[in-house]
């Protein structure tokens, strides 16, 4: 019986191995089905992308043709000329800006210097004004005293 038992155990072991292999194969087939489904989905997306890209390309060709019809190359040449002129004008403007900045700085220094001179002049005028006022008071006083002296001299003359 041992020989039959060994055969039985061997058959059972082979059956288990077969069952494991079938299970593994079943999983692989399932994975292939999932992979196939994923590839089909990607394929559909790719077809949509190709269709959209083709439509965009056709629209681009139409736009380029319209651009050619309206003189697009000439327009581009004119734009390039204008760009070159603008670059030249920009350089001139930058030069003028530098000159104006220098002149402004010179004027600013001149005004500051002039402000200092004006302040000195203002102070001088104030001192002169004070001296003129004192002189005016002195002249009034001397005139008053001269008149007073004249009146006294007249009164003395008349009293004689």
N, C-alpha and C. Protein backbone atom coordinates (compact mmCIF):
# COMPACT_ATOMS: atom_id res chain seq x y z
N UNK A 1 0.77 -1.19 0.00
CA UNK A 1 0.00 0.00 0.00
C UNK A 1 0.83 1.27 0.00
N UNK A 2 1.92 1.12 0.42
CA UNK A 2 2.79 2.27 0.44
C UNK A 2 3.05 2.76 -0.98
N UNK A 3 3.14 1.90 -1.89
CA UNK A 3 3.36 2.31 -3.28
C UNK A 3 2.14 3.07 -3.79
N UNK A 4 0.98 2.62 -3.42
CA UNK A 4 -0.24 3.30 -3.85
C UNK A 4 -0.39 4.63 -3.12
N UNK A 5 0.02 4.61 -1.87
CA UNK A 5 -0.06 5.83 -1.06
C UNK A 5 0.89 6.89 -1.64
N UNK A 6 2.05 6.44 -2.01
CA UNK A 6 3.01 7.37 -2.59
C UNK A 6 2.48 7.92 -3.91
N UNK A 7 1.85 7.03 -4.67
CA UNK A 7 1.25 7.49 -5.93
C UNK A 7 0.14 8.51 -5.65
N UNK A 8 -0.66 8.19 -4.64
CA UNK A 8 -1.75 9.07 -4.28
C UNK A 8 -1.21 10.43 -3.83
N UNK A 9 -0.19 10.41 -2.97
CA UNK A 9 0.42 11.66 -2.49
C UNK A 9 1.07 12.41 -3.65
N UNK A 10 1.66 11.70 -4.57
CA UNK A 10 2.30 12.32 -5.72
C UNK A 10 1.23 12.94 -6.61
N UNK A 11 0.13 12.24 -6.78
CA UNK A 11 -0.98 12.77 -7.61
C UNK A 11 -1.56 14.00 -6.93
N UNK A 12 -1.70 13.91 -5.58
CA UNK A 12 -2.26 15.05 -4.84
C UNK A 12 -1.32 16.26 -4.96
N UNK A 13 -0.04 16.00 -4.83
CA UNK A 13 0.94 17.09 -4.93
C UNK A 13 0.90 17.71 -6.32
N UNK A 14 0.82 16.87 -7.36
CA UNK A 14 0.74 17.35 -8.74
C UNK A 14 -0.57 18.13 -8.96
N UNK A 15 -1.64 17.64 -8.33
CA UNK A 15 -2.93 18.33 -8.46
C UNK A 15 -2.83 19.71 -7.82
N UNK A 16 -2.16 19.80 -6.66
CA UNK A 16 -1.99 21.11 -5.98
C UNK A 16 -1.14 22.04 -6.85
N UNK A 17 -0.08 21.49 -7.42
CA UNK A 17 0.77 22.30 -8.29
C UNK A 17 -0.01 22.78 -9.50
N UNK A 18 -0.83 21.88 -10.06
CA UNK A 18 -1.66 22.23 -11.21
C UNK A 18 -2.65 23.33 -10.83
N UNK A 19 -3.25 23.19 -9.64
CA UNK A 19 -4.21 24.19 -9.15
C UNK A 19 -3.51 25.54 -8.98
N UNK A 20 -2.29 25.52 -8.42
CA UNK A 20 -1.53 26.77 -8.27
C UNK A 20 -1.21 27.38 -9.62
N UNK A 21 -0.81 26.51 -10.57
CA UNK A 21 -0.49 27.00 -11.92
C UNK A 21 -1.72 27.58 -12.58
N UNK A 22 -2.87 26.90 -12.42
CA UNK A 22 -4.12 27.39 -13.02
C UNK A 22 -4.51 28.73 -12.38
N UNK A 23 -4.36 28.85 -11.07
CA UNK A 23 -4.68 30.11 -10.38
C UNK A 23 -3.77 31.24 -10.88
N UNK A 24 -2.49 30.92 -11.01
CA UNK A 24 -1.53 31.91 -11.50
C UNK A 24 -1.88 32.32 -12.92
N UNK A 25 -2.22 31.33 -13.75
CA UNK A 25 -2.59 31.60 -15.13
C UNK A 25 -3.86 32.45 -15.19
N UNK A 26 -4.81 32.14 -14.30
CA UNK A 26 -6.06 32.90 -14.24
C UNK A 26 -5.76 34.37 -13.90
N UNK A 27 -4.85 34.58 -12.93
CA UNK A 27 -4.48 35.96 -12.57
C UNK A 27 -3.83 36.67 -13.75
N UNK A 28 -2.94 35.96 -14.44
CA UNK A 28 -2.27 36.56 -15.59
C UNK A 28 -3.26 36.92 -16.67
N UNK A 29 -4.22 36.03 -16.94
CA UNK A 29 -5.24 36.30 -17.95
C UNK A 29 -6.05 37.53 -17.53
N UNK A 30 -6.38 37.62 -16.22
CA UNK A 30 -7.09 38.80 -15.71
C UNK A 30 -6.26 40.06 -15.90
N UNK A 31 -4.96 39.93 -15.59
CA UNK A 31 -4.07 41.08 -15.78
C UNK A 31 -3.99 41.47 -17.24
N UNK A 32 -3.94 40.44 -18.12
CA UNK A 32 -3.92 40.74 -19.55
C UNK A 32 -5.20 41.44 -19.99
N UNK A 33 -6.32 41.01 -19.43
CA UNK A 33 -7.59 41.66 -19.76
C UNK A 33 -7.57 43.11 -19.31
N UNK A 34 -7.05 43.36 -18.07
CA UNK A 34 -6.97 44.74 -17.57
C UNK A 34 -6.01 45.57 -18.43
N UNK A 35 -4.90 44.93 -18.80
CA UNK A 35 -3.92 45.62 -19.64
C UNK A 35 -4.54 45.92 -21.00
N UNK A 36 -5.25 44.97 -21.51
CA UNK A 36 -5.90 45.13 -22.82
C UNK A 36 -6.91 46.28 -22.76
N UNK A 37 -7.68 46.32 -21.67
CA UNK A 37 -8.68 47.39 -21.48
C UNK A 37 -7.96 48.74 -21.40
N UNK A 38 -6.88 48.80 -20.64
CA UNK A 38 -6.12 50.04 -20.49
C UNK A 38 -5.54 50.47 -21.84
N UNK A 39 -5.00 49.51 -22.60
CA UNK A 39 -4.46 49.83 -23.92
C UNK A 39 -5.55 50.32 -24.87
N UNK A 40 -6.74 49.70 -24.78
CA UNK A 40 -7.86 50.13 -25.61
C UNK A 40 -8.25 51.57 -25.27
N UNK A 41 -8.29 51.88 -23.95
CA UNK A 41 -8.64 53.25 -23.52
C UNK A 41 -7.61 54.25 -24.01
N UNK A 42 -6.33 53.88 -23.86
CA UNK A 42 -5.25 54.77 -24.32
C UNK A 42 -5.33 54.93 -25.83
N UNK A 43 -5.64 53.85 -26.52
CA UNK A 43 -5.75 53.89 -27.98
C UNK A 43 -6.85 54.86 -28.40
N UNK A 44 -7.99 54.83 -27.71
CA UNK A 44 -9.08 55.75 -28.03
C UNK A 44 -8.67 57.20 -27.77
N UNK A 45 -8.01 57.44 -26.64
CA UNK A 45 -7.54 58.78 -26.31
C UNK A 45 -6.53 59.26 -27.36
N UNK A 46 -5.66 58.36 -27.76
CA UNK A 46 -4.65 58.70 -28.76
C UNK A 46 -5.30 59.04 -30.10
N UNK A 47 -6.32 58.30 -30.46
CA UNK A 47 -7.04 58.59 -31.71
C UNK A 47 -7.70 59.98 -31.64
N UNK A 48 -8.30 60.31 -30.49
CA UNK A 48 -8.90 61.64 -30.33
C UNK A 48 -7.83 62.73 -30.44
N UNK A 49 -6.68 62.49 -29.82
CA UNK A 49 -5.59 63.46 -29.87
C UNK A 49 -5.10 63.65 -31.30
N UNK A 50 -4.97 62.56 -32.02
CA UNK A 50 -4.53 62.62 -33.42
C UNK A 50 -5.54 63.41 -34.25
N UNK A 51 -6.82 63.16 -34.03
CA UNK A 51 -7.87 63.86 -34.77
C UNK A 51 -7.81 65.37 -34.48
N UNK A 52 -7.68 65.72 -33.20
CA UNK A 52 -7.62 67.14 -32.81
C UNK A 52 -6.38 67.80 -33.39
N UNK A 53 -5.25 67.11 -33.34
CA UNK A 53 -4.00 67.65 -33.88
C UNK A 53 -4.12 67.87 -35.38
N UNK A 54 -4.78 66.96 -36.06
CA UNK A 54 -4.98 67.09 -37.51
C UNK A 54 -5.83 68.32 -37.81
N UNK A 55 -6.90 68.51 -37.03
CA UNK A 55 -7.77 69.68 -37.22
C UNK A 55 -7.00 70.98 -36.98
N UNK A 56 -6.18 70.99 -35.94
CA UNK A 56 -5.39 72.19 -35.64
C UNK A 56 -4.40 72.45 -36.76
N UNK A 57 -3.79 71.39 -37.28
CA UNK A 57 -2.83 71.56 -38.38
C UNK A 57 -3.52 72.13 -39.61
N UNK A 58 -4.72 71.63 -39.91
CA UNK A 58 -5.46 72.14 -41.06
C UNK A 58 -5.81 73.61 -40.85
N UNK A 59 -6.22 73.98 -39.64
CA UNK A 59 -6.53 75.38 -39.35
C UNK A 59 -5.28 76.24 -39.46
N UNK A 60 -4.15 75.71 -39.02
CA UNK A 60 -2.89 76.46 -39.10
C UNK A 60 -2.51 76.70 -40.56
N UNK A 61 -2.69 75.70 -41.39
CA UNK A 61 -2.39 75.84 -42.82
C UNK A 61 -3.29 76.91 -43.42
N UNK A 62 -4.57 76.89 -43.05
CA UNK A 62 -5.50 77.90 -43.56
C UNK A 62 -5.07 79.30 -43.09
N UNK A 63 -4.67 79.42 -41.84
CA UNK A 63 -4.24 80.71 -41.31
C UNK A 63 -2.99 81.20 -42.03
N UNK A 64 -2.04 80.30 -42.29
CA UNK A 64 -0.82 80.67 -43.00
C UNK A 64 -1.17 81.14 -44.41
N UNK A 65 -2.10 80.46 -45.07
CA UNK A 65 -2.50 80.86 -46.43
C UNK A 65 -3.15 82.24 -46.41
N UNK A 66 -4.01 82.48 -45.44
CA UNK A 66 -4.64 83.81 -45.32
C UNK A 66 -3.56 84.86 -45.07
N UNK A 67 -2.62 84.54 -44.20
CA UNK A 67 -1.53 85.45 -43.88
C UNK A 67 -0.73 85.80 -45.15
N UNK A 68 -0.49 84.77 -45.99
CA UNK A 68 0.23 85.00 -47.24
C UNK A 68 -0.60 85.88 -48.16
N UNK A 69 -1.93 85.62 -48.22
CA UNK A 69 -2.80 86.38 -49.12
C UNK A 69 -2.84 87.86 -48.76
N UNK A 70 -2.82 88.17 -47.47
CA UNK A 70 -2.92 89.58 -47.07
C UNK A 70 -1.55 90.27 -47.05
N UNK A 71 -0.52 89.57 -47.50
CA UNK A 71 0.81 90.17 -47.58
C UNK A 71 1.59 90.01 -46.29
N UNK A 72 1.43 88.91 -45.65
CA UNK A 72 2.09 88.65 -44.38
C UNK A 72 3.59 88.83 -44.40
N UNK A 73 4.29 88.28 -45.39
CA UNK A 73 5.75 88.47 -45.42
C UNK A 73 6.14 89.95 -45.50
N UNK A 74 5.39 90.71 -46.30
CA UNK A 74 5.68 92.15 -46.41
C UNK A 74 5.41 92.84 -45.06
N UNK A 75 4.33 92.45 -44.42
CA UNK A 75 4.01 93.01 -43.11
C UNK A 75 5.15 92.72 -42.12
N UNK A 76 5.64 91.50 -42.16
CA UNK A 76 6.75 91.13 -41.27
C UNK A 76 8.00 91.94 -41.58
N UNK A 77 8.26 92.20 -42.88
CA UNK A 77 9.41 93.03 -43.25
C UNK A 77 9.25 94.44 -42.70
N UNK A 78 8.05 95.00 -42.85
CA UNK A 78 7.79 96.35 -42.35
C UNK A 78 7.93 96.41 -40.83
N UNK A 79 7.44 95.37 -40.17
CA UNK A 79 7.56 95.32 -38.71
C UNK A 79 9.04 95.28 -38.32
N UNK A 80 9.83 94.52 -39.08
CA UNK A 80 11.28 94.44 -38.80
C UNK A 80 11.93 95.80 -39.00
N UNK A 81 11.53 96.53 -40.07
CA UNK A 81 12.07 97.87 -40.30
C UNK A 81 11.70 98.81 -39.15
N UNK A 82 10.42 98.76 -38.78
CA UNK A 82 9.96 99.61 -37.68
C UNK A 82 10.69 99.28 -36.38
N UNK A 83 10.91 98.00 -36.18
CA UNK A 83 11.63 97.58 -34.97
C UNK A 83 13.04 98.15 -34.97
N UNK A 84 13.68 98.12 -36.13
CA UNK A 84 15.03 98.66 -36.26
C UNK A 84 15.02 100.17 -36.00
N UNK A 85 14.04 100.86 -36.58
CA UNK A 85 13.94 102.31 -36.37
C UNK A 85 13.67 102.63 -34.90
N UNK A 86 12.79 101.84 -34.30
CA UNK A 86 12.49 102.06 -32.88
C UNK A 86 13.72 101.85 -32.02
N UNK A 87 14.53 100.86 -32.37
CA UNK A 87 15.76 100.61 -31.61
C UNK A 87 16.69 101.81 -31.74
N UNK A 88 16.80 102.36 -32.95
CA UNK A 88 17.63 103.57 -33.16
C UNK A 88 17.09 104.74 -32.38
N UNK A 89 15.77 104.93 -32.42
CA UNK A 89 15.15 106.03 -31.67
C UNK A 89 15.33 105.84 -30.18
N UNK A 90 15.30 104.60 -29.76
CA UNK A 90 15.49 104.33 -28.33
C UNK A 90 16.88 104.79 -27.90
N UNK A 91 17.88 104.47 -28.74
CA UNK A 91 19.25 104.88 -28.42
C UNK A 91 19.35 106.40 -28.37
N UNK A 92 18.71 107.08 -29.34
CA UNK A 92 18.72 108.55 -29.34
C UNK A 92 18.05 109.09 -28.09
N UNK A 93 16.91 108.50 -27.74
CA UNK A 93 16.19 108.96 -26.55
C UNK A 93 17.01 108.74 -25.28
N UNK A 94 17.70 107.61 -25.23
CA UNK A 94 18.56 107.36 -24.06
C UNK A 94 19.67 108.40 -23.98
N UNK A 95 20.23 108.77 -25.15
CA UNK A 95 21.25 109.82 -25.18
C UNK A 95 20.68 111.15 -24.71
N UNK A 96 19.48 111.48 -25.22
CA UNK A 96 18.83 112.73 -24.80
C UNK A 96 18.51 112.71 -23.32
N UNK A 97 18.10 111.57 -22.84
CA UNK A 97 17.80 111.45 -21.41
C UNK A 97 19.05 111.75 -20.58
N UNK A 98 20.18 111.22 -21.02
CA UNK A 98 21.43 111.48 -20.32
C UNK A 98 21.79 112.95 -20.34
N UNK A 99 21.63 113.57 -21.53
CA UNK A 99 21.93 115.00 -21.63
C UNK A 99 21.01 115.82 -20.73
N UNK A 100 19.72 115.49 -20.78
CA UNK A 100 18.75 116.23 -19.95
C UNK A 100 19.04 116.04 -18.46
N UNK A 101 19.43 114.84 -18.10
CA UNK A 101 19.77 114.58 -16.70
C UNK A 101 20.96 115.43 -16.28
N UNK A 102 21.98 115.49 -17.16
CA UNK A 102 23.15 116.33 -16.86
C UNK A 102 22.75 117.80 -16.72
N UNK A 103 21.95 118.29 -17.67
CA UNK A 103 21.51 119.69 -17.62
C UNK A 103 20.68 119.95 -16.36
N UNK A 104 19.81 119.02 -16.03
CA UNK A 104 18.99 119.18 -14.83
C UNK A 104 19.89 119.25 -13.59
N UNK A 105 20.89 118.37 -13.54
CA UNK A 105 21.81 118.38 -12.40
C UNK A 105 22.58 119.70 -12.33
N UNK A 106 23.00 120.22 -13.51
CA UNK A 106 23.69 121.50 -13.54
C UNK A 106 22.78 122.61 -13.03
N UNK A 107 21.53 122.61 -13.53
CA UNK A 107 20.57 123.63 -13.08
C UNK A 107 20.30 123.51 -11.58
N UNK A 108 20.20 122.29 -11.13
CA UNK A 108 19.94 122.07 -9.71
C UNK A 108 21.09 122.64 -8.87
N UNK A 109 22.33 122.37 -9.31
CA UNK A 109 23.48 122.93 -8.59
C UNK A 109 23.47 124.45 -8.69
N UNK A 110 23.13 124.97 -9.86
CA UNK A 110 23.07 126.40 -10.07
C UNK A 110 22.01 127.04 -9.16
N UNK A 111 20.84 126.38 -9.07
CA UNK A 111 19.78 126.91 -8.21
C UNK A 111 20.21 126.88 -6.75
N UNK A 112 20.88 125.81 -6.37
CA UNK A 112 21.36 125.73 -4.99
C UNK A 112 22.35 126.85 -4.72
N UNK A 113 23.25 127.07 -5.69
CA UNK A 113 24.22 128.14 -5.57
C UNK A 113 23.50 129.49 -5.55
N UNK A 114 22.51 129.63 -6.42
CA UNK A 114 21.73 130.87 -6.49
C UNK A 114 20.95 131.08 -5.18
N UNK A 115 20.43 130.00 -4.61
CA UNK A 115 19.72 130.10 -3.33
C UNK A 115 20.66 130.60 -2.25
N UNK A 116 21.90 130.09 -2.27
CA UNK A 116 22.88 130.56 -1.28
C UNK A 116 23.17 132.04 -1.49
N UNK A 117 23.33 132.43 -2.78
CA UNK A 117 23.57 133.84 -3.08
C UNK A 117 22.38 134.70 -2.67
N UNK A 118 21.18 134.19 -2.95
CA UNK A 118 19.97 134.93 -2.57
C UNK A 118 19.90 135.11 -1.07
N UNK A 119 20.29 134.11 -0.33
CA UNK A 119 20.26 134.19 1.13
C UNK A 119 21.25 135.27 1.61
N UNK A 120 22.44 135.28 1.02
CA UNK A 120 23.43 136.31 1.37
C UNK A 120 22.89 137.69 1.00
N UNK A 121 22.30 137.78 -0.20
CA UNK A 121 21.73 139.04 -0.66
C UNK A 121 20.60 139.50 0.27
N UNK A 122 19.75 138.57 0.66
CA UNK A 122 18.63 138.88 1.56
C UNK A 122 19.15 139.40 2.90
N UNK A 123 20.18 138.74 3.41
CA UNK A 123 20.77 139.19 4.68
C UNK A 123 21.39 140.57 4.52
N UNK A 124 22.04 140.80 3.38
CA UNK A 124 22.65 142.11 3.11
C UNK A 124 21.57 143.18 3.03
N UNK A 125 20.46 142.86 2.32
CA UNK A 125 19.34 143.81 2.23
C UNK A 125 18.77 144.12 3.60
N UNK A 126 18.67 143.13 4.43
CA UNK A 126 18.15 143.34 5.78
C UNK A 126 19.04 144.29 6.56
N UNK A 127 20.37 144.08 6.47
CA UNK A 127 21.31 144.97 7.16
C UNK A 127 21.25 146.39 6.59
N UNK A 128 21.17 146.50 5.26
CA UNK A 128 21.05 147.82 4.62
C UNK A 128 19.76 148.49 5.05
N UNK A 129 18.67 147.71 5.09
CA UNK A 129 17.37 148.24 5.50
C UNK A 129 17.44 148.81 6.92
N UNK A 130 18.10 148.06 7.80
CA UNK A 130 18.26 148.54 9.18
C UNK A 130 19.06 149.84 9.21
N UNK A 131 20.14 149.91 8.43
CA UNK A 131 20.98 151.12 8.39
C UNK A 131 20.22 152.29 7.79
N UNK A 132 19.44 152.02 6.72
CA UNK A 132 18.63 153.08 6.08
C UNK A 132 17.59 153.60 7.07
N UNK A 133 16.98 152.68 7.81
CA UNK A 133 15.98 153.10 8.80
C UNK A 133 16.64 153.99 9.87
N UNK A 134 17.79 153.58 10.35
CA UNK A 134 18.51 154.39 11.35
C UNK A 134 18.87 155.74 10.76
N UNK A 135 19.33 155.76 9.49
CA UNK A 135 19.66 157.01 8.82
C UNK A 135 18.44 157.89 8.67
N UNK A 136 17.30 157.27 8.33
CA UNK A 136 16.04 158.00 8.19
C UNK A 136 15.65 158.64 9.52
N UNK A 137 15.75 157.87 10.60
CA UNK A 137 15.43 158.39 11.93
C UNK A 137 16.40 159.55 12.26
N UNK A 138 17.67 159.36 11.92
CA UNK A 138 18.66 160.40 12.17
C UNK A 138 18.32 161.65 11.38
N UNK A 139 17.95 161.48 10.09
CA UNK A 139 17.59 162.63 9.25
C UNK A 139 16.36 163.35 9.79
N UNK A 140 15.38 162.60 10.22
CA UNK A 140 14.18 163.22 10.79
C UNK A 140 14.56 164.00 12.05
N UNK A 141 15.38 163.36 12.88
CA UNK A 141 15.79 164.03 14.13
C UNK A 141 16.58 165.29 13.82
N UNK A 142 17.54 165.20 12.86
CA UNK A 142 18.34 166.39 12.55
C UNK A 142 17.47 167.46 11.89
N UNK A 143 16.53 167.05 11.06
CA UNK A 143 15.62 168.01 10.44
C UNK A 143 14.78 168.68 11.51
N UNK A 144 14.30 167.88 12.45
CA UNK A 144 13.50 168.43 13.54
C UNK A 144 14.32 169.44 14.35
N UNK A 145 15.53 169.02 14.67
CA UNK A 145 16.38 169.93 15.46
C UNK A 145 16.75 171.16 14.65
N UNK A 146 16.99 171.00 13.36
CA UNK A 146 17.30 172.15 12.51
C UNK A 146 16.11 173.10 12.44
N UNK A 147 14.93 172.52 12.26
CA UNK A 147 13.70 173.35 12.24
C UNK A 147 13.49 174.02 13.59
N UNK A 148 13.72 173.23 14.62
CA UNK A 148 13.56 173.81 15.96
C UNK A 148 14.56 174.95 16.15
N UNK A 149 15.79 174.77 15.67
CA UNK A 149 16.80 175.82 15.78
C UNK A 149 16.41 177.01 14.94
N UNK A 150 15.87 176.81 13.77
CA UNK A 150 15.42 177.88 12.91
C UNK A 150 14.27 178.65 13.54
N UNK A 151 13.35 177.91 14.10
CA UNK A 151 12.19 178.56 14.75
C UNK A 151 12.69 179.39 15.94
N UNK A 152 13.58 178.84 16.69
CA UNK A 152 14.12 179.58 17.86
C UNK A 152 14.86 180.80 17.35
N UNK A 153 15.63 180.67 16.29
CA UNK A 153 16.34 181.82 15.74
C UNK A 153 15.36 182.85 15.23
N UNK A 154 14.29 182.49 14.60
CA UNK A 154 13.27 183.41 14.09
C UNK A 154 12.56 184.11 15.26
N UNK A 155 12.25 183.31 16.24
CA UNK A 155 11.56 183.89 17.41
C UNK A 155 12.50 184.90 18.08
N UNK A 156 13.74 184.59 18.18
CA UNK A 156 14.71 185.51 18.80
C UNK A 156 14.87 186.74 17.94
N UNK A 157 14.88 186.59 16.67
CA UNK A 157 14.98 187.72 15.77
C UNK A 157 13.75 188.60 15.85
N UNK A 158 12.65 187.99 15.94
CA UNK A 158 11.38 188.74 16.00
C UNK A 158 11.27 189.42 17.35
N UNK A 159 11.82 188.93 18.35
CA UNK A 159 11.72 189.52 19.68
C UNK A 159 12.68 190.70 19.78
N UNK A 160 13.55 190.84 19.09
CA UNK A 160 14.49 191.95 19.14
C UNK A 160 13.89 193.13 18.60
